[in-house]
């Protein structure tokens, strides 16, 4: 019997590893930056961190995030990113050419919400969970099911929004 679209389940080993690695990475990044006064010098690192989160959340954790325990963890990360964005906006003097990194932080929560919308669309249009194309194969990476046109279309929507938001953050 398939699971409902919204459910809580036990964390898998992958969930625990990915969450732990992300927390450690975040702590290391915080140590690297140390304070926000040198934010101009750390823009590419901040952008890579934000973009990497948004990329990995969908591409490696799309199956894990079906579990609301995991999704809420990533949503909390998105809220933290948003709080850091507002902190930068209020307290840090950033030159126009050096603010793309912290602007990208505001995209995480939008992309996580988009992920849930795409899941809902996938479930309603094809009666199957959202999956992610993997490489040159016509099967998804984790569910081992054949990809459909809708799967590719939803994947393109996510990637397009990710790129547009990232370019917007980079150009502001």
N, C-alpha and C. Protein backbone atom coordinates (compact mmCIF):
# COMPACT_ATOMS: atom_id res chain seq x y z
N UNK A 1 0.84 -1.18 0.00
CA UNK A 1 0.00 0.00 0.00
C UNK A 1 0.89 1.25 0.00
N UNK A 2 0.64 2.17 -0.92
CA UNK A 2 1.47 3.38 -0.96
C UNK A 2 1.19 4.29 0.23
N UNK A 3 2.22 5.05 0.61
CA UNK A 3 2.08 5.98 1.72
C UNK A 3 1.30 7.21 1.27
N UNK A 4 0.63 7.87 2.21
CA UNK A 4 -0.04 9.13 1.85
C UNK A 4 1.01 10.18 1.51
N UNK A 5 0.60 11.24 0.87
CA UNK A 5 1.57 12.26 0.45
C UNK A 5 2.22 12.94 1.66
N UNK A 6 1.50 13.10 2.75
CA UNK A 6 2.07 13.68 3.95
C UNK A 6 2.09 12.62 5.05
N UNK A 7 3.28 12.29 5.55
CA UNK A 7 3.40 11.27 6.59
C UNK A 7 4.67 11.52 7.42
N UNK A 8 4.66 10.97 8.62
CA UNK A 8 5.83 10.98 9.50
C UNK A 8 6.34 9.55 9.59
N UNK A 9 7.64 9.37 9.51
CA UNK A 9 8.24 8.05 9.58
C UNK A 9 9.56 8.16 10.35
N UNK A 10 10.14 7.02 10.68
CA UNK A 10 11.44 7.00 11.34
C UNK A 10 12.51 7.52 10.38
N UNK A 11 13.55 8.13 10.94
CA UNK A 11 14.65 8.60 10.11
C UNK A 11 15.49 7.41 9.67
N UNK A 12 15.88 7.41 8.40
CA UNK A 12 16.75 6.36 7.88
C UNK A 12 18.20 6.72 8.19
N UNK A 13 19.08 5.79 7.94
CA UNK A 13 20.51 6.06 8.12
C UNK A 13 20.93 7.22 7.21
N UNK A 14 20.44 7.23 5.98
CA UNK A 14 20.76 8.32 5.05
C UNK A 14 20.30 9.66 5.61
N UNK A 15 19.10 9.70 6.18
CA UNK A 15 18.57 10.94 6.76
C UNK A 15 19.51 11.46 7.85
N UNK A 16 19.90 10.55 8.74
CA UNK A 16 20.78 10.93 9.85
C UNK A 16 22.13 11.40 9.34
N UNK A 17 22.67 10.72 8.36
CA UNK A 17 23.98 11.10 7.80
C UNK A 17 23.88 12.45 7.10
N UNK A 18 22.88 12.63 6.24
CA UNK A 18 22.78 13.88 5.48
C UNK A 18 22.53 15.07 6.41
N UNK A 19 21.71 14.89 7.43
CA UNK A 19 21.45 15.98 8.38
C UNK A 19 22.70 16.31 9.18
N UNK A 20 23.41 15.29 9.63
CA UNK A 20 24.63 15.49 10.41
C UNK A 20 25.70 16.17 9.58
N UNK A 21 25.90 15.70 8.36
CA UNK A 21 26.89 16.32 7.47
C UNK A 21 26.54 17.77 7.23
N UNK A 22 25.25 18.06 7.02
CA UNK A 22 24.85 19.45 6.78
C UNK A 22 25.10 20.32 8.01
N UNK A 23 24.79 19.81 9.19
CA UNK A 23 25.02 20.58 10.42
C UNK A 23 26.51 20.84 10.60
N UNK A 24 27.33 19.82 10.38
CA UNK A 24 28.79 19.99 10.51
C UNK A 24 29.29 21.00 9.48
N UNK A 25 28.82 20.89 8.25
CA UNK A 25 29.20 21.85 7.20
C UNK A 25 28.81 23.27 7.59
N UNK A 26 27.63 23.43 8.15
CA UNK A 26 27.15 24.75 8.56
C UNK A 26 28.02 25.31 9.69
N UNK A 27 28.38 24.47 10.66
CA UNK A 27 29.25 24.91 11.76
C UNK A 27 30.62 25.31 11.22
N UNK A 28 31.16 24.51 10.30
CA UNK A 28 32.46 24.85 9.69
C UNK A 28 32.37 26.17 8.93
N UNK A 29 31.28 26.38 8.20
CA UNK A 29 31.10 27.64 7.48
C UNK A 29 31.02 28.80 8.46
N UNK A 30 30.26 28.61 9.54
CA UNK A 30 30.16 29.65 10.56
C UNK A 30 31.52 29.97 11.16
N UNK A 31 32.32 28.94 11.40
CA UNK A 31 33.68 29.16 11.92
C UNK A 31 34.54 29.88 10.89
N UNK A 32 34.39 29.51 9.63
CA UNK A 32 35.16 30.14 8.56
C UNK A 32 34.84 31.63 8.47
N UNK A 33 33.57 31.96 8.55
CA UNK A 33 33.17 33.36 8.44
C UNK A 33 33.41 34.09 9.76
N UNK A 34 33.19 33.42 10.89
CA UNK A 34 33.37 33.91 12.27
C UNK A 34 32.44 35.05 12.63
N UNK A 35 32.38 36.05 11.85
CA UNK A 35 31.41 37.12 12.08
C UNK A 35 30.98 37.67 10.74
N UNK A 36 29.94 38.44 10.76
CA UNK A 36 29.39 38.93 9.51
C UNK A 36 30.05 40.22 9.04
N UNK A 37 31.01 40.73 9.80
CA UNK A 37 31.63 41.99 9.40
C UNK A 37 32.49 41.82 8.15
N UNK A 38 32.97 40.62 7.88
CA UNK A 38 33.77 40.39 6.68
C UNK A 38 32.96 39.75 5.58
N UNK A 39 31.67 40.00 5.54
CA UNK A 39 30.78 39.32 4.61
C UNK A 39 31.15 39.55 3.15
N UNK A 40 31.69 40.73 2.83
CA UNK A 40 32.07 40.99 1.43
C UNK A 40 33.10 39.99 0.93
N UNK A 41 34.00 39.56 1.79
CA UNK A 41 35.04 38.64 1.39
C UNK A 41 34.54 37.20 1.25
N UNK A 42 33.39 36.89 1.77
CA UNK A 42 32.90 35.51 1.82
C UNK A 42 31.70 35.26 0.90
N UNK A 43 31.46 36.12 -0.05
CA UNK A 43 30.26 36.01 -0.87
C UNK A 43 30.18 34.73 -1.69
N UNK A 44 31.28 34.33 -2.31
CA UNK A 44 31.23 33.11 -3.12
C UNK A 44 31.01 31.88 -2.26
N UNK A 45 31.58 31.87 -1.07
CA UNK A 45 31.36 30.75 -0.15
C UNK A 45 29.90 30.72 0.28
N UNK A 46 29.34 31.87 0.63
CA UNK A 46 27.92 31.93 1.02
C UNK A 46 27.01 31.51 -0.12
N UNK A 47 27.33 31.96 -1.33
CA UNK A 47 26.52 31.60 -2.48
C UNK A 47 26.60 30.08 -2.71
N UNK A 48 27.79 29.52 -2.66
CA UNK A 48 27.96 28.08 -2.84
C UNK A 48 27.23 27.28 -1.78
N UNK A 49 27.27 27.76 -0.56
CA UNK A 49 26.57 27.11 0.55
C UNK A 49 25.06 27.12 0.31
N UNK A 50 24.52 28.29 -0.03
CA UNK A 50 23.07 28.42 -0.25
C UNK A 50 22.64 27.61 -1.48
N UNK A 51 23.34 27.79 -2.59
CA UNK A 51 23.00 27.08 -3.82
C UNK A 51 23.16 25.58 -3.62
N UNK A 52 24.22 25.18 -2.94
CA UNK A 52 24.45 23.76 -2.67
C UNK A 52 23.33 23.15 -1.86
N UNK A 53 22.85 23.87 -0.86
CA UNK A 53 21.73 23.40 -0.05
C UNK A 53 20.50 23.19 -0.93
N UNK A 54 20.21 24.17 -1.77
CA UNK A 54 19.03 24.13 -2.61
C UNK A 54 19.13 23.03 -3.66
N UNK A 55 20.32 22.77 -4.13
CA UNK A 55 20.57 21.73 -5.14
C UNK A 55 20.46 20.35 -4.50
N UNK A 56 21.18 20.14 -3.40
CA UNK A 56 21.24 18.83 -2.75
C UNK A 56 19.90 18.45 -2.13
N UNK A 57 19.18 19.41 -1.58
CA UNK A 57 17.90 19.10 -0.95
C UNK A 57 16.98 18.36 -1.92
N UNK A 58 16.94 18.81 -3.16
CA UNK A 58 16.08 18.13 -4.14
C UNK A 58 16.78 16.92 -4.75
N UNK A 59 17.98 17.08 -5.22
CA UNK A 59 18.62 16.04 -6.02
C UNK A 59 19.04 14.81 -5.22
N UNK A 60 19.39 14.98 -3.96
CA UNK A 60 19.80 13.82 -3.17
C UNK A 60 18.80 13.46 -2.07
N UNK A 61 17.92 14.39 -1.73
CA UNK A 61 17.01 14.14 -0.62
C UNK A 61 15.53 14.18 -1.01
N UNK A 62 15.24 14.14 -2.31
CA UNK A 62 13.83 14.22 -2.71
C UNK A 62 13.01 13.07 -2.13
N UNK A 63 13.60 11.89 -2.02
CA UNK A 63 12.86 10.76 -1.45
C UNK A 63 12.77 10.91 0.07
N UNK A 64 13.86 11.32 0.70
CA UNK A 64 13.87 11.51 2.16
C UNK A 64 12.87 12.57 2.59
N UNK A 65 12.76 13.64 1.80
CA UNK A 65 11.88 14.75 2.20
C UNK A 65 10.40 14.42 2.08
N UNK A 66 10.08 13.25 1.58
CA UNK A 66 8.68 12.80 1.60
C UNK A 66 8.24 12.58 3.05
N UNK A 67 9.18 12.21 3.88
CA UNK A 67 8.96 12.05 5.32
C UNK A 67 8.94 13.45 5.93
N UNK A 68 7.84 13.82 6.55
CA UNK A 68 7.72 15.19 7.06
C UNK A 68 8.74 15.51 8.16
N UNK A 69 9.24 14.51 8.87
CA UNK A 69 10.30 14.77 9.86
C UNK A 69 11.53 15.33 9.15
N UNK A 70 11.88 14.76 8.03
CA UNK A 70 13.04 15.22 7.26
C UNK A 70 12.72 16.56 6.60
N UNK A 71 11.55 16.67 6.02
CA UNK A 71 11.16 17.92 5.37
C UNK A 71 11.17 19.09 6.35
N UNK A 72 10.65 18.86 7.55
CA UNK A 72 10.64 19.94 8.55
C UNK A 72 12.06 20.33 8.97
N UNK A 73 12.98 19.38 9.00
CA UNK A 73 14.38 19.71 9.27
C UNK A 73 14.89 20.68 8.19
N UNK A 74 14.67 20.35 6.92
CA UNK A 74 15.14 21.21 5.84
C UNK A 74 14.37 22.53 5.81
N UNK A 75 13.11 22.50 6.18
CA UNK A 75 12.34 23.74 6.27
C UNK A 75 12.91 24.63 7.37
N UNK A 76 13.32 24.04 8.49
CA UNK A 76 13.97 24.81 9.56
C UNK A 76 15.28 25.43 9.04
N UNK A 77 16.02 24.68 8.25
CA UNK A 77 17.23 25.22 7.64
C UNK A 77 16.87 26.40 6.74
N UNK A 78 15.80 26.26 5.97
CA UNK A 78 15.35 27.36 5.12
C UNK A 78 14.97 28.59 5.93
N UNK A 79 14.33 28.40 7.07
CA UNK A 79 13.98 29.53 7.94
C UNK A 79 15.23 30.18 8.53
N UNK A 80 16.21 29.36 8.89
CA UNK A 80 17.48 29.91 9.39
C UNK A 80 18.16 30.71 8.29
N UNK A 81 18.16 30.18 7.08
CA UNK A 81 18.74 30.93 5.95
C UNK A 81 18.03 32.27 5.79
N UNK A 82 16.71 32.27 5.91
CA UNK A 82 15.95 33.50 5.77
C UNK A 82 16.29 34.49 6.89
N UNK A 83 16.45 34.00 8.11
CA UNK A 83 16.82 34.88 9.23
C UNK A 83 18.22 35.47 9.00
N UNK A 84 19.15 34.66 8.52
CA UNK A 84 20.50 35.17 8.23
C UNK A 84 20.43 36.21 7.11
N UNK A 85 19.63 35.96 6.11
CA UNK A 85 19.43 36.94 5.03
C UNK A 85 18.95 38.27 5.60
N UNK A 86 17.93 38.23 6.45
CA UNK A 86 17.41 39.48 7.02
C UNK A 86 18.45 40.14 7.94
N UNK A 87 19.25 39.34 8.63
CA UNK A 87 20.31 39.91 9.44
C UNK A 87 21.29 40.68 8.56
N UNK A 88 21.73 40.05 7.48
CA UNK A 88 22.64 40.72 6.55
C UNK A 88 22.01 41.99 6.02
N UNK A 89 20.75 41.90 5.66
CA UNK A 89 20.06 43.05 5.07
C UNK A 89 20.00 44.23 6.03
N UNK A 90 19.83 43.94 7.32
CA UNK A 90 19.71 44.99 8.32
C UNK A 90 21.04 45.49 8.90
N UNK A 91 22.02 44.60 9.05
CA UNK A 91 23.19 44.93 9.85
C UNK A 91 24.53 44.98 9.12
N UNK A 92 24.58 44.53 7.93
CA UNK A 92 25.86 44.45 7.26
C UNK A 92 25.86 45.38 6.05
N UNK A 93 26.89 46.16 5.97
CA UNK A 93 27.05 47.03 4.81
C UNK A 93 27.73 46.20 3.73
N UNK A 94 26.99 45.94 2.69
CA UNK A 94 27.48 45.12 1.59
C UNK A 94 27.53 45.99 0.34
N UNK A 95 28.64 45.96 -0.34
CA UNK A 95 28.71 46.71 -1.59
C UNK A 95 27.84 46.02 -2.63
N UNK A 96 27.38 46.77 -3.60
CA UNK A 96 26.48 46.22 -4.62
C UNK A 96 27.06 45.00 -5.32
N UNK A 97 28.36 44.97 -5.53
CA UNK A 97 28.96 43.85 -6.25
C UNK A 97 29.25 42.66 -5.33
N UNK A 98 28.95 42.76 -4.05
CA UNK A 98 29.28 41.68 -3.11
C UNK A 98 28.11 41.24 -2.25
N UNK A 99 26.94 41.15 -2.83
CA UNK A 99 25.83 40.70 -2.00
C UNK A 99 25.11 39.47 -2.54
N UNK A 100 25.61 38.88 -3.59
CA UNK A 100 24.91 37.73 -4.16
C UNK A 100 24.90 36.53 -3.22
N UNK A 101 25.90 36.34 -2.42
CA UNK A 101 25.96 35.20 -1.53
C UNK A 101 24.85 35.20 -0.51
N UNK A 102 24.68 36.29 0.17
CA UNK A 102 23.65 36.32 1.20
C UNK A 102 22.26 36.45 0.59
N UNK A 103 22.12 37.01 -0.60
CA UNK A 103 20.82 37.05 -1.26
C UNK A 103 20.33 35.65 -1.60
N UNK A 104 21.24 34.75 -1.95
CA UNK A 104 20.86 33.38 -2.30
C UNK A 104 20.24 32.65 -1.11
N UNK A 105 20.55 33.06 0.10
CA UNK A 105 19.99 32.41 1.29
C UNK A 105 18.47 32.52 1.36
N UNK A 106 17.92 33.56 0.78
CA UNK A 106 16.46 33.74 0.85
C UNK A 106 15.71 32.76 -0.05
N UNK A 107 16.41 32.09 -0.97
CA UNK A 107 15.76 31.19 -1.92
C UNK A 107 15.46 29.81 -1.35
N UNK A 108 16.12 29.41 -0.29
CA UNK A 108 16.01 28.04 0.20
C UNK A 108 14.57 27.69 0.55
N UNK A 109 13.91 28.54 1.30
CA UNK A 109 12.55 28.22 1.74
C UNK A 109 11.59 28.21 0.55
N UNK A 110 11.79 29.10 -0.41
CA UNK A 110 10.94 29.13 -1.61
C UNK A 110 11.08 27.81 -2.37
N UNK A 111 12.30 27.33 -2.52
CA UNK A 111 12.53 26.10 -3.26
C UNK A 111 12.02 24.87 -2.51
N UNK A 112 12.07 24.89 -1.19
CA UNK A 112 11.49 23.79 -0.42
C UNK A 112 9.97 23.75 -0.56
N UNK A 113 9.35 24.91 -0.57
CA UNK A 113 7.91 24.97 -0.79
C UNK A 113 7.56 24.54 -2.21
N UNK A 114 8.38 24.93 -3.17
CA UNK A 114 8.19 24.50 -4.56
C UNK A 114 8.27 22.97 -4.65
N UNK A 115 9.21 22.38 -3.94
CA UNK A 115 9.34 20.92 -3.92
C UNK A 115 8.01 20.26 -3.52
N UNK A 116 7.37 20.76 -2.46
CA UNK A 116 6.10 20.18 -2.02
C UNK A 116 5.00 20.39 -3.07
N UNK A 117 5.00 21.55 -3.70
CA UNK A 117 4.03 21.81 -4.75
C UNK A 117 4.23 20.83 -5.91
N UNK A 118 5.47 20.61 -6.30
CA UNK A 118 5.76 19.67 -7.39
C UNK A 118 5.37 18.24 -7.00
N UNK A 119 5.57 17.88 -5.74
CA UNK A 119 5.12 16.56 -5.26
C UNK A 119 3.61 16.42 -5.41
N UNK A 120 2.91 17.46 -5.02
CA UNK A 120 1.45 17.44 -5.11
C UNK A 120 1.01 17.32 -6.57
N UNK A 121 1.64 18.09 -7.44
CA UNK A 121 1.31 18.04 -8.87
C UNK A 121 1.59 16.65 -9.42
N UNK A 122 2.72 16.07 -9.07
CA UNK A 122 3.05 14.73 -9.53
C UNK A 122 2.01 13.72 -9.06
N UNK A 123 1.64 13.80 -7.80
CA UNK A 123 0.66 12.86 -7.24
C UNK A 123 -0.70 13.00 -7.92
N UNK A 124 -1.11 14.23 -8.18
CA UNK A 124 -2.44 14.46 -8.77
C UNK A 124 -2.47 14.16 -10.26
N UNK A 125 -1.39 14.42 -10.98
CA UNK A 125 -1.41 14.23 -12.43
C UNK A 125 -1.07 12.82 -12.86
N UNK A 126 -0.21 12.13 -12.09
CA UNK A 126 0.19 10.80 -12.52
C UNK A 126 0.05 9.74 -11.43
N UNK A 127 -0.42 10.14 -10.26
CA UNK A 127 -0.63 9.17 -9.19
C UNK A 127 0.65 8.56 -8.66
N UNK A 128 1.77 9.25 -8.84
CA UNK A 128 3.07 8.76 -8.38
C UNK A 128 3.82 9.89 -7.70
N UNK A 129 4.75 9.50 -6.85
CA UNK A 129 5.60 10.47 -6.15
C UNK A 129 6.53 11.18 -7.12
N UNK A 130 6.93 12.36 -6.74
CA UNK A 130 7.93 13.13 -7.47
C UNK A 130 9.27 12.40 -7.38
N UNK A 131 9.94 12.28 -8.50
CA UNK A 131 11.26 11.66 -8.53
C UNK A 131 12.21 12.60 -9.26
N UNK A 132 13.45 12.19 -9.32
CA UNK A 132 14.47 13.00 -9.96
C UNK A 132 15.19 12.16 -11.01
N UNK A 133 15.29 12.67 -12.23
CA UNK A 133 16.07 11.95 -13.24
C UNK A 133 17.53 11.82 -12.79
N UNK A 134 18.13 10.70 -13.12
CA UNK A 134 19.53 10.49 -12.71
C UNK A 134 20.38 10.11 -13.91
N UNK A 135 21.18 11.04 -14.32
CA UNK A 135 22.12 10.78 -15.40
C UNK A 135 21.44 10.49 -16.73
N UNK A 136 21.98 9.55 -17.46
CA UNK A 136 21.48 9.23 -18.79
C UNK A 136 20.48 8.07 -18.78
N UNK A 137 19.96 7.75 -17.65
CA UNK A 137 19.05 6.62 -17.55
C UNK A 137 17.60 7.10 -17.58
N UNK A 138 16.72 6.21 -17.88
CA UNK A 138 15.29 6.56 -17.90
C UNK A 138 14.60 6.10 -16.61
N UNK A 139 15.41 5.78 -15.60
CA UNK A 139 14.89 5.39 -14.29
C UNK A 139 15.36 6.39 -13.24
N UNK A 140 14.56 6.52 -12.20
CA UNK A 140 14.98 7.43 -11.14
C UNK A 140 15.98 6.72 -10.23
N UNK A 141 16.73 7.51 -9.48
CA UNK A 141 17.86 7.01 -8.71
C UNK A 141 17.46 6.15 -7.51
N UNK A 142 16.41 6.51 -6.80
CA UNK A 142 16.07 5.84 -5.55
C UNK A 142 14.87 4.90 -5.65
N UNK A 143 13.84 5.28 -6.38
CA UNK A 143 12.64 4.45 -6.47
C UNK A 143 12.75 3.37 -7.54
N UNK A 144 13.71 3.50 -8.41
CA UNK A 144 13.93 2.55 -9.50
C UNK A 144 12.65 2.34 -10.31
N UNK A 145 12.03 3.46 -10.64
CA UNK A 145 10.87 3.37 -11.51
C UNK A 145 11.13 4.19 -12.76
N UNK A 146 10.46 3.81 -13.82
CA UNK A 146 10.63 4.46 -15.11
C UNK A 146 10.12 5.90 -15.01
N UNK A 147 10.90 6.82 -15.55
CA UNK A 147 10.52 8.23 -15.53
C UNK A 147 9.48 8.50 -16.61
N UNK A 148 8.63 9.45 -16.32
CA UNK A 148 7.60 9.86 -17.27
C UNK A 148 7.91 11.26 -17.79
N UNK A 149 7.15 11.68 -18.79
CA UNK A 149 7.29 13.04 -19.30
C UNK A 149 7.04 14.06 -18.19
N UNK A 150 6.06 13.79 -17.35
CA UNK A 150 5.73 14.71 -16.24
C UNK A 150 6.90 14.80 -15.26
N UNK A 151 7.56 13.66 -14.99
CA UNK A 151 8.74 13.69 -14.12
C UNK A 151 9.80 14.64 -14.67
N UNK A 152 10.07 14.54 -15.97
CA UNK A 152 11.07 15.42 -16.60
C UNK A 152 10.61 16.87 -16.57
N UNK A 153 9.33 17.09 -16.84
CA UNK A 153 8.79 18.44 -16.84
C UNK A 153 8.91 19.08 -15.45
N UNK A 154 8.54 18.36 -14.41
CA UNK A 154 8.63 18.89 -13.04
C UNK A 154 10.08 19.13 -12.64
N UNK A 155 10.96 18.25 -13.07
CA UNK A 155 12.40 18.42 -12.82
C UNK A 155 12.89 19.72 -13.48
N UNK A 156 12.48 19.95 -14.71
CA UNK A 156 12.88 21.17 -15.44
C UNK A 156 12.34 22.41 -14.74
N UNK A 157 11.12 22.33 -14.23
CA UNK A 157 10.54 23.47 -13.50
C UNK A 157 11.41 23.79 -12.28
N UNK A 158 11.76 22.77 -11.49
CA UNK A 158 12.58 23.01 -10.30
C UNK A 158 13.93 23.61 -10.68
N UNK A 159 14.59 23.02 -11.66
CA UNK A 159 15.91 23.51 -12.06
C UNK A 159 15.81 24.93 -12.60
N UNK A 160 14.78 25.21 -13.39
CA UNK A 160 14.61 26.55 -13.94
C UNK A 160 14.41 27.59 -12.82
N UNK A 161 13.57 27.26 -11.85
CA UNK A 161 13.35 28.20 -10.74
C UNK A 161 14.63 28.36 -9.94
N UNK A 162 15.33 27.28 -9.67
CA UNK A 162 16.61 27.35 -8.95
C UNK A 162 17.59 28.27 -9.68
N UNK A 163 17.71 28.12 -10.97
CA UNK A 163 18.66 28.92 -11.75
C UNK A 163 18.22 30.38 -11.80
N UNK A 164 16.94 30.61 -12.06
CA UNK A 164 16.45 31.99 -12.13
C UNK A 164 16.65 32.71 -10.81
N UNK A 165 16.28 32.05 -9.70
CA UNK A 165 16.46 32.68 -8.39
C UNK A 165 17.94 32.91 -8.09
N UNK A 166 18.79 31.97 -8.47
CA UNK A 166 20.23 32.12 -8.24
C UNK A 166 20.81 33.25 -9.08
N UNK A 167 20.37 33.32 -10.33
CA UNK A 167 20.84 34.42 -11.19
C UNK A 167 20.36 35.76 -10.65
N UNK A 168 19.14 35.78 -10.16
CA UNK A 168 18.59 37.02 -9.60
C UNK A 168 19.40 37.43 -8.36
N UNK A 169 19.72 36.45 -7.53
CA UNK A 169 20.53 36.74 -6.34
C UNK A 169 21.90 37.22 -6.75
N UNK A 170 22.42 36.64 -7.82
CA UNK A 170 23.77 36.99 -8.28
C UNK A 170 23.80 38.39 -8.90
N UNK A 171 22.69 38.81 -9.48
CA UNK A 171 22.69 40.09 -10.19
C UNK A 171 22.23 41.26 -9.33
N UNK A 172 21.61 40.99 -8.20
CA UNK A 172 21.13 42.12 -7.37
C UNK A 172 22.24 42.84 -6.67
